[in-house]
């Protein structure tokens, strides 16, 4: 009987020891991540009283709640893994962040990020494309960089083939020059692509469309795209919205789009279509 109680005591001790150790490790990880985020906050300024025409709602500097006196888990728009305390979701959209992201940015040490939203800020710097190289391509799901005007051109050099698992890419309102990069076609898992108001010209390339077979939503409105609407769009069998309005596209609109049985919304207005566009094919 004595040995039985000794065995139970041993099990209880080990259970308490490893529980305490686990909590200590979790607390240590949380401290590390909070310090990294605070360093990132300190590396940027908050632009006061701006009138960014790209803001569709009132800006909200979300990093204002980040400080040492508040619990890391309660910081605005920071989502952590409940077991490891790793930062997995960071939404800093509309935060009036102004400054450069350089190669030593502590943001790059958040290697477990799955969702990153830096939309509608004032970010710039030659190292911005390193976001893609430092953050794990295998884990990142949606990426939104809307309206960071100073990023134009820097994203064209990104090796998109490293991001084969990326499902959501939103680069709207970032001003580019030239054609849509062929390399975007390397993002095989992409479901939603938003290139609204990016200044792209040239044609919509068939090869890129054929590579994006998982695409469910395609937003190419308000560019300078020309040529015809490619029939290869019909290969996107999961597509449920297609926005091509406000470009320089010409007829014909391919009847092959009839095969898109999941298509619920299509915008073609304000293009250079001549004659009558038969909306009945939709």
C-alpha atoms as a PDB file:
ATOM      1  CA  UNK A   1       0.000   0.000   0.000  1.00  0.00           C
ATOM      2  CA  UNK A   2       2.870   2.355   0.834  1.00  0.00           C
ATOM      3  CA  UNK A   3       4.435   1.796  -2.595  1.00  0.00           C
ATOM      4  CA  UNK A   4       1.081   2.559  -4.216  1.00  0.00           C
ATOM      5  CA  UNK A   5       0.891   5.956  -2.471  1.00  0.00           C
ATOM      6  CA  UNK A   6       4.522   6.635  -3.322  1.00  0.00           C
ATOM      7  CA  UNK A   7       3.746   5.931  -6.977  1.00  0.00           C
ATOM      8  CA  UNK A   8       0.723   8.271  -6.900  1.00  0.00           C
ATOM      9  CA  UNK A   9       2.837  10.967  -5.264  1.00  0.00           C
ATOM     10  CA  UNK A  10       5.464  10.531  -7.971  1.00  0.00           C
ATOM     11  CA  UNK A  11       2.829  10.927 -10.712  1.00  0.00           C
ATOM     12  CA  UNK A  12       1.346  13.991  -9.022  1.00  0.00           C
ATOM     13  CA  UNK A  13       4.772  15.597  -8.632  1.00  0.00           C
ATOM     14  CA  UNK A  14       5.636  15.009 -12.285  1.00  0.00           C
ATOM     15  CA  UNK A  15       2.290  16.347 -13.421  1.00  0.00           C
ATOM     16  CA  UNK A  16       2.707  19.541 -11.397  1.00  0.00           C
ATOM     17  CA  UNK A  17       6.330  19.924 -12.486  1.00  0.00           C
ATOM     18  CA  UNK A  18       5.615  19.668 -16.203  1.00  0.00           C
ATOM     19  CA  UNK A  19       2.512  21.856 -15.933  1.00  0.00           C
ATOM     20  CA  UNK A  20       4.562  24.538 -14.200  1.00  0.00           C
ATOM     21  CA  UNK A  21       7.358  24.156 -16.754  1.00  0.00           C
ATOM     22  CA  UNK A  22       4.881  24.452 -19.621  1.00  0.00           C
ATOM     23  CA  UNK A  23       3.373  27.628 -18.153  1.00  0.00           C
ATOM     24  CA  UNK A  24       6.833  29.090 -17.629  1.00  0.00           C
ATOM     25  CA  UNK A  25       7.800  28.391 -21.247  1.00  0.00           C
ATOM     26  CA  UNK A  26       4.499  29.828 -22.485  1.00  0.00           C
ATOM     27  CA  UNK A  27       5.006  32.977 -20.399  1.00  0.00           C
ATOM     28  CA  UNK A  28       8.557  33.328 -21.698  1.00  0.00           C
ATOM     29  CA  UNK A  29       7.358  33.002 -25.314  1.00  0.00           C
ATOM     30  CA  UNK A  30       4.637  35.598 -24.724  1.00  0.00           C
ATOM     31  CA  UNK A  31       7.226  38.018 -23.315  1.00  0.00           C
ATOM     32  CA  UNK A  32       9.484  37.465 -26.322  1.00  0.00           C
ATOM     33  CA  UNK A  33       6.682  38.107 -28.812  1.00  0.00           C
ATOM     34  CA  UNK A  34       5.412  41.173 -26.970  1.00  0.00           C
ATOM     35  CA  UNK A  35       8.903  42.690 -26.997  1.00  0.00           C
ATOM     36  CA  UNK A  36       9.210  42.022 -30.737  1.00  0.00           C
ATOM     37  CA  UNK A  37       5.895  43.744 -31.420  1.00  0.00           C
ATOM     38  CA  UNK A  38       6.816  46.704 -29.221  1.00  0.00           C
ATOM     39  CA  UNK A  39      10.096  47.044 -31.127  1.00  0.00           C
ATOM     40  CA  UNK A  40       8.158  47.020 -34.404  1.00  0.00           C
ATOM     41  CA  UNK A  41       5.808  49.683 -33.044  1.00  0.00           C
ATOM     42  CA  UNK A  42       8.724  51.877 -31.972  1.00  0.00           C
ATOM     43  CA  UNK A  43      10.325  51.632 -35.425  1.00  0.00           C
ATOM     44  CA  UNK A  44       7.355  53.415 -37.048  1.00  0.00           C
ATOM     45  CA  UNK A  45       5.530  56.686 -36.492  1.00  0.00           C
ATOM     46  CA  UNK A  46       1.797  57.322 -36.372  1.00  0.00           C
ATOM     47  CA  UNK A  47       0.742  59.908 -38.930  1.00  0.00           C
ATOM     48  CA  UNK A  48      -1.518  62.461 -37.275  1.00  0.00           C
ATOM     49  CA  UNK A  49      -4.632  63.953 -38.875  1.00  0.00           C
ATOM     50  CA  UNK A  50      -3.997  62.509 -42.311  1.00  0.00           C
ATOM     51  CA  UNK A  51      -6.413  62.716 -45.204  1.00  0.00           C
ATOM     52  CA  UNK A  52      -5.450  59.623 -47.164  1.00  0.00           C
ATOM     53  CA  UNK A  53      -8.017  59.421 -50.003  1.00  0.00           C
ATOM     54  CA  UNK A  54      -7.708  55.638 -49.957  1.00  0.00           C
ATOM     55  CA  UNK A  55      -9.171  55.319 -46.485  1.00  0.00           C
ATOM     56  CA  UNK A  56     -12.633  53.840 -46.797  1.00  0.00           C
ATOM     57  CA  UNK A  57     -13.314  54.168 -43.077  1.00  0.00           C
ATOM     58  CA  UNK A  58     -11.922  56.154 -40.181  1.00  0.00           C
ATOM     59  CA  UNK A  59      -8.305  55.258 -39.409  1.00  0.00           C
ATOM     60  CA  UNK A  60      -7.595  53.607 -36.094  1.00  0.00           C
ATOM     61  CA  UNK A  61      -3.990  53.390 -34.823  1.00  0.00           C
ATOM     62  CA  UNK A  62      -4.233  49.867 -33.429  1.00  0.00           C
ATOM     63  CA  UNK A  63      -0.743  49.895 -31.982  1.00  0.00           C
ATOM     64  CA  UNK A  64      -1.871  52.495 -29.417  1.00  0.00           C
ATOM     65  CA  UNK A  65      -3.019  49.647 -27.168  1.00  0.00           C
ATOM     66  CA  UNK A  66       0.390  47.973 -27.307  1.00  0.00           C
ATOM     67  CA  UNK A  67       2.334  48.724 -24.150  1.00  0.00           C
ATOM     68  CA  UNK A  68       4.053  46.931 -21.301  1.00  0.00           C
ATOM     69  CA  UNK A  69       1.300  47.723 -18.813  1.00  0.00           C
ATOM     70  CA  UNK A  70      -1.408  45.760 -20.652  1.00  0.00           C
ATOM     71  CA  UNK A  71      -1.719  42.040 -21.193  1.00  0.00           C
ATOM     72  CA  UNK A  72      -0.136  40.966 -24.474  1.00  0.00           C
ATOM     73  CA  UNK A  73      -3.155  38.772 -25.241  1.00  0.00           C
ATOM     74  CA  UNK A  74      -5.469  41.806 -25.095  1.00  0.00           C
ATOM     75  CA  UNK A  75      -3.614  43.960 -27.604  1.00  0.00           C
ATOM     76  CA  UNK A  76      -5.721  45.174 -30.520  1.00  0.00           C
ATOM     77  CA  UNK A  77      -5.725  42.952 -33.596  1.00  0.00           C
ATOM     78  CA  UNK A  78      -3.047  40.571 -32.323  1.00  0.00           C
ATOM     79  CA  UNK A  79      -4.094  36.927 -32.310  1.00  0.00           C
ATOM     80  CA  UNK A  80      -1.935  34.328 -30.585  1.00  0.00           C
ATOM     81  CA  UNK A  81      -1.869  30.564 -30.535  1.00  0.00           C
ATOM     82  CA  UNK A  82      -3.391  29.550 -27.191  1.00  0.00           C
ATOM     83  CA  UNK A  83      -0.805  26.834 -26.596  1.00  0.00           C
ATOM     84  CA  UNK A  84       2.460  28.263 -27.905  1.00  0.00           C
ATOM     85  CA  UNK A  85       1.725  32.021 -27.617  1.00  0.00           C
ATOM     86  CA  UNK A  86       3.069  32.465 -31.150  1.00  0.00           C
ATOM     87  CA  UNK A  87       1.578  35.434 -33.017  1.00  0.00           C
ATOM     88  CA  UNK A  88      -0.496  33.950 -35.851  1.00  0.00           C
ATOM     89  CA  UNK A  89      -2.655  36.896 -36.978  1.00  0.00           C
ATOM     90  CA  UNK A  90      -1.684  40.557 -37.231  1.00  0.00           C
ATOM     91  CA  UNK A  91      -4.117  43.152 -38.586  1.00  0.00           C
ATOM     92  CA  UNK A  92      -2.666  46.662 -38.700  1.00  0.00           C
ATOM     93  CA  UNK A  93      -4.875  48.047 -41.451  1.00  0.00           C
ATOM     94  CA  UNK A  94      -5.957  51.721 -41.221  1.00  0.00           C
ATOM     95  CA  UNK A  95      -3.370  52.257 -38.492  1.00  0.00           C
ATOM     96  CA  UNK A  96      -1.694  55.389 -39.913  1.00  0.00           C
ATOM     97  CA  UNK A  97       1.718  53.706 -39.686  1.00  0.00           C
ATOM     98  CA  UNK A  98       4.395  55.826 -41.328  1.00  0.00           C
ATOM     99  CA  UNK A  99       7.970  54.757 -41.982  1.00  0.00           C
ATOM    100  CA  UNK A 100      10.261  52.143 -43.459  1.00  0.00           C
ATOM    101  CA  UNK A 101      10.473  48.437 -42.819  1.00  0.00           C
ATOM    102  CA  UNK A 102      14.158  47.575 -42.964  1.00  0.00           C
ATOM    103  CA  UNK A 103      15.977  44.256 -43.058  1.00  0.00           C
ATOM    104  CA  UNK A 104      16.345  44.036 -39.244  1.00  0.00           C
ATOM    105  CA  UNK A 105      12.646  44.684 -38.557  1.00  0.00           C
ATOM    106  CA  UNK A 106      11.340  42.608 -35.677  1.00  0.00           C
ATOM    107  CA  UNK A 107       8.272  41.898 -37.824  1.00  0.00           C
ATOM    108  CA  UNK A 108      10.380  39.365 -39.718  1.00  0.00           C
ATOM    109  CA  UNK A 109      10.913  37.374 -36.522  1.00  0.00           C
ATOM    110  CA  UNK A 110       7.192  36.597 -36.248  1.00  0.00           C
ATOM    111  CA  UNK A 111       7.795  33.455 -38.279  1.00  0.00           C
ATOM    112  CA  UNK A 112       4.492  31.775 -37.364  1.00  0.00           C
ATOM    113  CA  UNK A 113       2.239  34.442 -38.894  1.00  0.00           C
ATOM    114  CA  UNK A 114      -0.629  33.020 -40.935  1.00  0.00           C
ATOM    115  CA  UNK A 115      -2.457  36.275 -41.655  1.00  0.00           C
ATOM    116  CA  UNK A 116      -0.931  39.691 -42.194  1.00  0.00           C
ATOM    117  CA  UNK A 117      -2.836  42.871 -43.032  1.00  0.00           C
ATOM    118  CA  UNK A 118      -0.855  46.092 -43.528  1.00  0.00           C
ATOM    119  CA  UNK A 119      -3.469  47.765 -45.706  1.00  0.00           C
ATOM    120  CA  UNK A 120      -3.788  51.555 -45.991  1.00  0.00           C
ATOM    121  CA  UNK A 121      -0.697  52.737 -44.194  1.00  0.00           C
ATOM    122  CA  UNK A 122       2.328  54.763 -45.311  1.00  0.00           C
ATOM    123  CA  UNK A 123       4.971  52.057 -45.438  1.00  0.00           C
ATOM    124  CA  UNK A 124       7.990  52.351 -47.672  1.00  0.00           C
ATOM    125  CA  UNK A 125      11.603  51.277 -47.954  1.00  0.00           C
ATOM    126  CA  UNK A 126      13.648  49.045 -50.186  1.00  0.00           C
ATOM    127  CA  UNK A 127      13.387  46.136 -47.760  1.00  0.00           C
ATOM    128  CA  UNK A 128       9.596  45.838 -47.875  1.00  0.00           C
ATOM    129  CA  UNK A 129       9.742  42.835 -50.198  1.00  0.00           C
ATOM    130  CA  UNK A 130      11.604  40.989 -47.437  1.00  0.00           C
ATOM    131  CA  UNK A 131       8.213  40.481 -45.795  1.00  0.00           C
ATOM    132  CA  UNK A 132       7.764  37.698 -48.302  1.00  0.00           C
ATOM    133  CA  UNK A 133      11.206  36.200 -47.805  1.00  0.00           C
ATOM    134  CA  UNK A 134      11.258  36.156 -43.992  1.00  0.00           C
ATOM    135  CA  UNK A 135       7.710  35.075 -43.230  1.00  0.00           C
ATOM    136  CA  UNK A 136       7.031  31.400 -43.785  1.00  0.00           C
ATOM    137  CA  UNK A 137       5.575  30.778 -47.264  1.00  0.00           C
ATOM    138  CA  UNK A 138       4.167  27.471 -46.035  1.00  0.00           C
ATOM    139  CA  UNK A 139       2.003  29.125 -43.358  1.00  0.00           C
ATOM    140  CA  UNK A 140       0.946  32.534 -44.655  1.00  0.00           C
ATOM    141  CA  UNK A 141      -2.659  32.423 -45.899  1.00  0.00           C
ATOM    142  CA  UNK A 142      -4.015  35.934 -46.660  1.00  0.00           C
ATOM    143  CA  UNK A 143      -1.782  38.908 -47.344  1.00  0.00           C
ATOM    144  CA  UNK A 144      -3.156  42.442 -47.677  1.00  0.00           C
ATOM    145  CA  UNK A 145      -0.960  45.434 -48.481  1.00  0.00           C
ATOM    146  CA  UNK A 146      -3.626  47.775 -49.889  1.00  0.00           C
ATOM    147  CA  UNK A 147      -2.833  51.397 -50.517  1.00  0.00           C
ATOM    148  CA  UNK A 148       0.765  51.607 -49.366  1.00  0.00           C
ATOM    149  CA  UNK A 149       1.610  53.994 -52.185  1.00  0.00           C
ATOM    150  CA  UNK A 150       5.369  53.958 -51.722  1.00  0.00           C
ATOM    151  CA  UNK A 151       5.595  50.213 -52.390  1.00  0.00           C
ATOM    152  CA  UNK A 152       5.077  50.591 -56.134  1.00  0.00           C
ATOM    153  CA  UNK A 153       7.513  48.473 -58.104  1.00  0.00           C
ATOM    154  CA  UNK A 154       9.117  46.867 -55.059  1.00  0.00           C
ATOM    155  CA  UNK A 155       6.672  43.964 -55.090  1.00  0.00           C
ATOM    156  CA  UNK A 156       7.323  43.077 -58.714  1.00  0.00           C
ATOM    157  CA  UNK A 157      10.629  41.463 -57.740  1.00  0.00           C
ATOM    158  CA  UNK A 158       9.014  39.132 -55.206  1.00  0.00           C
ATOM    159  CA  UNK A 159       9.585  35.430 -55.873  1.00  0.00           C
ATOM    160  CA  UNK A 160       5.921  34.467 -55.828  1.00  0.00           C
ATOM    161  CA  UNK A 161       6.776  30.831 -56.581  1.00  0.00           C
ATOM    162  CA  UNK A 162       7.854  30.558 -52.921  1.00  0.00           C
ATOM    163  CA  UNK A 163       4.258  31.299 -51.901  1.00  0.00           C
ATOM    164  CA  UNK A 164       2.493  28.342 -53.443  1.00  0.00           C
ATOM    165  CA  UNK A 165       0.164  28.006 -50.422  1.00  0.00           C
ATOM    166  CA  UNK A 166      -0.926  31.672 -50.286  1.00  0.00           C
ATOM    167  CA  UNK A 167      -4.719  31.787 -50.673  1.00  0.00           C
ATOM    168  CA  UNK A 168      -5.509  35.515 -50.573  1.00  0.00           C
ATOM    169  CA  UNK A 169      -3.462  38.298 -52.162  1.00  0.00           C
ATOM    170  CA  UNK A 170      -4.712  41.886 -52.020  1.00  0.00           C
ATOM    171  CA  UNK A 171      -2.474  44.541 -53.600  1.00  0.00           C
ATOM    172  CA  UNK A 172      -5.250  46.977 -54.503  1.00  0.00           C
ATOM    173  CA  UNK A 173      -4.498  50.714 -54.671  1.00  0.00           C
ATOM    174  CA  UNK A 174      -0.743  50.139 -54.942  1.00  0.00           C
ATOM    175  CA  UNK A 175       0.396  51.877 -58.120  1.00  0.00           C
ATOM    176  CA  UNK A 176       2.403  49.688 -60.499  1.00  0.00           C
ATOM    177  CA  UNK A 177       3.659  50.214 -64.030  1.00  0.00           C
ATOM    178  CA  UNK A 178       3.487  47.706 -66.846  1.00  0.00           C
ATOM    179  CA  UNK A 179       1.829  44.325 -67.054  1.00  0.00           C
ATOM    180  CA  UNK A 180       0.573  42.005 -64.341  1.00  0.00           C
ATOM    181  CA  UNK A 181       3.626  39.912 -63.330  1.00  0.00           C
ATOM    182  CA  UNK A 182       3.622  36.395 -64.814  1.00  0.00           C
ATOM    183  CA  UNK A 183       5.041  35.109 -61.535  1.00  0.00           C
ATOM    184  CA  UNK A 184       1.688  35.599 -59.773  1.00  0.00           C
ATOM    185  CA  UNK A 185       0.633  32.508 -61.712  1.00  0.00           C
ATOM    186  CA  UNK A 186       3.034  30.524 -59.523  1.00  0.00           C
ATOM    187  CA  UNK A 187       0.775  30.948 -56.474  1.00  0.00           C
ATOM    188  CA  UNK A 188      -1.006  27.674 -57.129  1.00  0.00           C
ATOM    189  CA  UNK A 189      -3.307  27.751 -54.081  1.00  0.00           C
ATOM    190  CA  UNK A 190      -4.537  31.310 -54.686  1.00  0.00           C
ATOM    191  CA  UNK A 191      -8.307  31.671 -54.221  1.00  0.00           C
ATOM    192  CA  UNK A 192      -8.742  35.460 -54.187  1.00  0.00           C
ATOM    193  CA  UNK A 193      -6.685  37.946 -56.189  1.00  0.00           C
ATOM    194  CA  UNK A 194      -7.405  41.664 -55.824  1.00  0.00           C
ATOM    195  CA  UNK A 195      -5.505  44.024 -58.148  1.00  0.00           C
ATOM    196  CA  UNK A 196      -8.075  46.832 -58.111  1.00  0.00           C
ATOM    197  CA  UNK A 197      -6.782  50.256 -59.194  1.00  0.00           C
ATOM    198  CA  UNK A 198      -3.160  49.210 -59.587  1.00  0.00           C
ATOM    199  CA  UNK A 199      -2.355  50.895 -62.903  1.00  0.00           C
ATOM    200  CA  UNK A 200      -1.596  47.660 -64.740  1.00  0.00           C
ATOM    201  CA  UNK A 201      -1.644  47.778 -68.541  1.00  0.00           C
ATOM    202  CA  UNK A 202      -1.307  45.183 -71.291  1.00  0.00           C
ATOM    203  CA  UNK A 203      -3.443  42.096 -71.706  1.00  0.00           C
ATOM    204  CA  UNK A 204      -4.801  39.566 -69.239  1.00  0.00           C
ATOM    205  CA  UNK A 205      -2.421  36.686 -69.850  1.00  0.00           C
ATOM    206  CA  UNK A 206      -3.891  33.285 -70.584  1.00  0.00           C
ATOM    207  CA  UNK A 207      -0.930  31.385 -69.116  1.00  0.00           C
ATOM    208  CA  UNK A 208      -1.387  33.063 -65.737  1.00  0.00           C
ATOM    209  CA  UNK A 209      -5.099  32.202 -65.672  1.00  0.00           C
ATOM    210  CA  UNK A 210      -4.450  28.563 -66.542  1.00  0.00           C
ATOM    211  CA  UNK A 211      -2.041  28.348 -63.606  1.00  0.00           C
ATOM    212  CA  UNK A 212      -4.552  29.747 -61.092  1.00  0.00           C
ATOM    213  CA  UNK A 213      -7.010  26.868 -61.220  1.00  0.00           C
ATOM    214  CA  UNK A 214      -8.109  27.328 -57.571  1.00  0.00           C
ATOM    215  CA  UNK A 215      -9.204  30.933 -58.076  1.00  0.00           C
ATOM    216  CA  UNK A 216     -12.666  31.806 -56.717  1.00  0.00           C
ATOM    217  CA  UNK A 217     -12.549  35.591 -56.978  1.00  0.00           C
ATOM    218  CA  UNK A 218     -10.741  37.860 -59.453  1.00  0.00           C
ATOM    219  CA  UNK A 219     -10.790  41.658 -59.099  1.00  0.00           C
ATOM    220  CA  UNK A 220      -9.035  43.568 -61.921  1.00  0.00           C
ATOM    221  CA  UNK A 221     -11.235  46.687 -62.062  1.00  0.00           C
ATOM    222  CA  UNK A 222      -9.926  50.227 -62.705  1.00  0.00           C
ATOM    223  CA  UNK A 223      -6.681  49.369 -64.479  1.00  0.00           C
ATOM    224  CA  UNK A 224      -5.548  50.012 -68.064  1.00  0.00           C
ATOM    225  CA  UNK A 225      -5.945  46.437 -69.292  1.00  0.00           C
ATOM    226  CA  UNK A 226      -6.525  46.040 -73.019  1.00  0.00           C
ATOM    227  CA  UNK A 227      -7.219  43.309 -75.552  1.00  0.00           C
ATOM    228  CA  UNK A 228     -10.056  40.835 -75.358  1.00  0.00           C
ATOM    229  CA  UNK A 229     -11.497  39.019 -72.371  1.00  0.00           C
ATOM    230  CA  UNK A 230      -9.568  35.722 -72.530  1.00  0.00           C
ATOM    231  CA  UNK A 231     -11.602  32.556 -73.014  1.00  0.00           C
ATOM    232  CA  UNK A 232      -9.186  30.819 -70.639  1.00  0.00           C
ATOM    233  CA  UNK A 233     -11.211  32.381 -67.817  1.00  0.00           C
ATOM    234  CA  UNK A 234     -13.571  29.462 -68.378  1.00  0.00           C
ATOM    235  CA  UNK A 235     -10.889  27.172 -66.912  1.00  0.00           C
ATOM    236  CA  UNK A 236     -11.457  28.796 -63.509  1.00  0.00           C
ATOM    237  CA  UNK A 237     -14.312  26.446 -62.682  1.00  0.00           C
ATOM    238  CA  UNK A 238     -14.618  27.627 -59.051  1.00  0.00           C
ATOM    239  CA  UNK A 239     -14.906  31.317 -59.939  1.00  0.00           C
ATOM    240  CA  UNK A 240     -17.897  33.047 -58.346  1.00  0.00           C
ATOM    241  CA  UNK A 241     -17.033  36.715 -58.942  1.00  0.00           C
ATOM    242  CA  UNK A 242     -15.214  38.390 -61.835  1.00  0.00           C
ATOM    243  CA  UNK A 243     -14.678  42.163 -61.951  1.00  0.00           C
ATOM    244  CA  UNK A 244     -13.142  43.567 -65.154  1.00  0.00           C
ATOM    245  CA  UNK A 245     -14.915  46.935 -65.312  1.00  0.00           C
ATOM    246  CA  UNK A 246     -13.224  50.294 -65.997  1.00  0.00           C
ATOM    247  CA  UNK A 247     -10.462  48.994 -68.256  1.00  0.00           C
ATOM    248  CA  UNK A 248      -9.816  49.180 -72.014  1.00  0.00           C
ATOM    249  CA  UNK A 249     -10.938  45.674 -72.885  1.00  0.00           C
ATOM    250  CA  UNK A 250     -12.521  45.034 -76.279  1.00  0.00           C
ATOM    251  CA  UNK A 251     -14.919  42.505 -77.755  1.00  0.00           C
ATOM    252  CA  UNK A 252     -15.703  39.720 -78.034  1.00  0.00           C
ATOM    253  CA  UNK A 253     -16.820  38.532 -74.625  1.00  0.00           C
ATOM    254  CA  UNK A 254     -16.234  34.770 -74.893  1.00  0.00           C
ATOM    255  CA  UNK A 255     -19.262  32.504 -74.670  1.00  0.00           C
ATOM    256  CA  UNK A 256     -17.036  29.986 -72.904  1.00  0.00           C
ATOM    257  CA  UNK A 257     -17.794  31.925 -69.708  1.00  0.00           C
ATOM    258  CA  UNK A 258     -21.171  30.169 -69.784  1.00  0.00           C
ATOM    259  CA  UNK A 259     -19.438  27.115 -68.371  1.00  0.00           C
ATOM    260  CA  UNK A 260     -18.707  28.932 -65.104  1.00  0.00           C
ATOM    261  CA  UNK A 261     -21.653  27.489 -63.205  1.00  0.00           C
ATOM    262  CA  UNK A 262     -20.616  29.043 -59.873  1.00  0.00           C
ATOM    263  CA  UNK A 263     -20.280  32.580 -61.255  1.00  0.00           C
ATOM    264  CA  UNK A 264     -22.625  34.875 -59.313  1.00  0.00           C
ATOM    265  CA  UNK A 265     -21.272  38.346 -60.074  1.00  0.00           C
ATOM    266  CA  UNK A 266     -19.560  39.787 -63.150  1.00  0.00           C
ATOM    267  CA  UNK A 267     -18.771  43.444 -63.940  1.00  0.00           C
ATOM    268  CA  UNK A 268     -17.781  44.415 -67.499  1.00  0.00           C
ATOM    269  CA  UNK A 269     -18.974  48.023 -67.767  1.00  0.00           C
ATOM    270  CA  UNK A 270     -16.815  50.990 -68.818  1.00  0.00           C
ATOM    271  CA  UNK A 271     -14.624  49.156 -71.306  1.00  0.00           C
ATOM    272  CA  UNK A 272     -14.115  49.567 -75.063  1.00  0.00           C
ATOM    273  CA  UNK A 273     -16.569  46.901 -76.155  1.00  0.00           C
ATOM    274  CA  UNK A 274     -18.005  47.830 -79.547  1.00  0.00           C
ATOM    275  CA  UNK A 275     -21.545  47.034 -80.519  1.00  0.00           C
ATOM    276  CA  UNK A 276     -23.863  45.025 -78.292  1.00  0.00           C
ATOM    277  CA  UNK A 277     -22.539  42.830 -75.504  1.00  0.00           C
ATOM    278  CA  UNK A 278     -24.895  39.889 -75.201  1.00  0.00           C
ATOM    279  CA  UNK A 279     -25.546  39.792 -71.468  1.00  0.00           C
ATOM    280  CA  UNK A 280     -27.739  36.783 -72.110  1.00  0.00           C
ATOM    281  CA  UNK A 281     -24.691  34.553 -72.214  1.00  0.00           C
ATOM    282  CA  UNK A 282     -24.464  35.027 -68.452  1.00  0.00           C
END
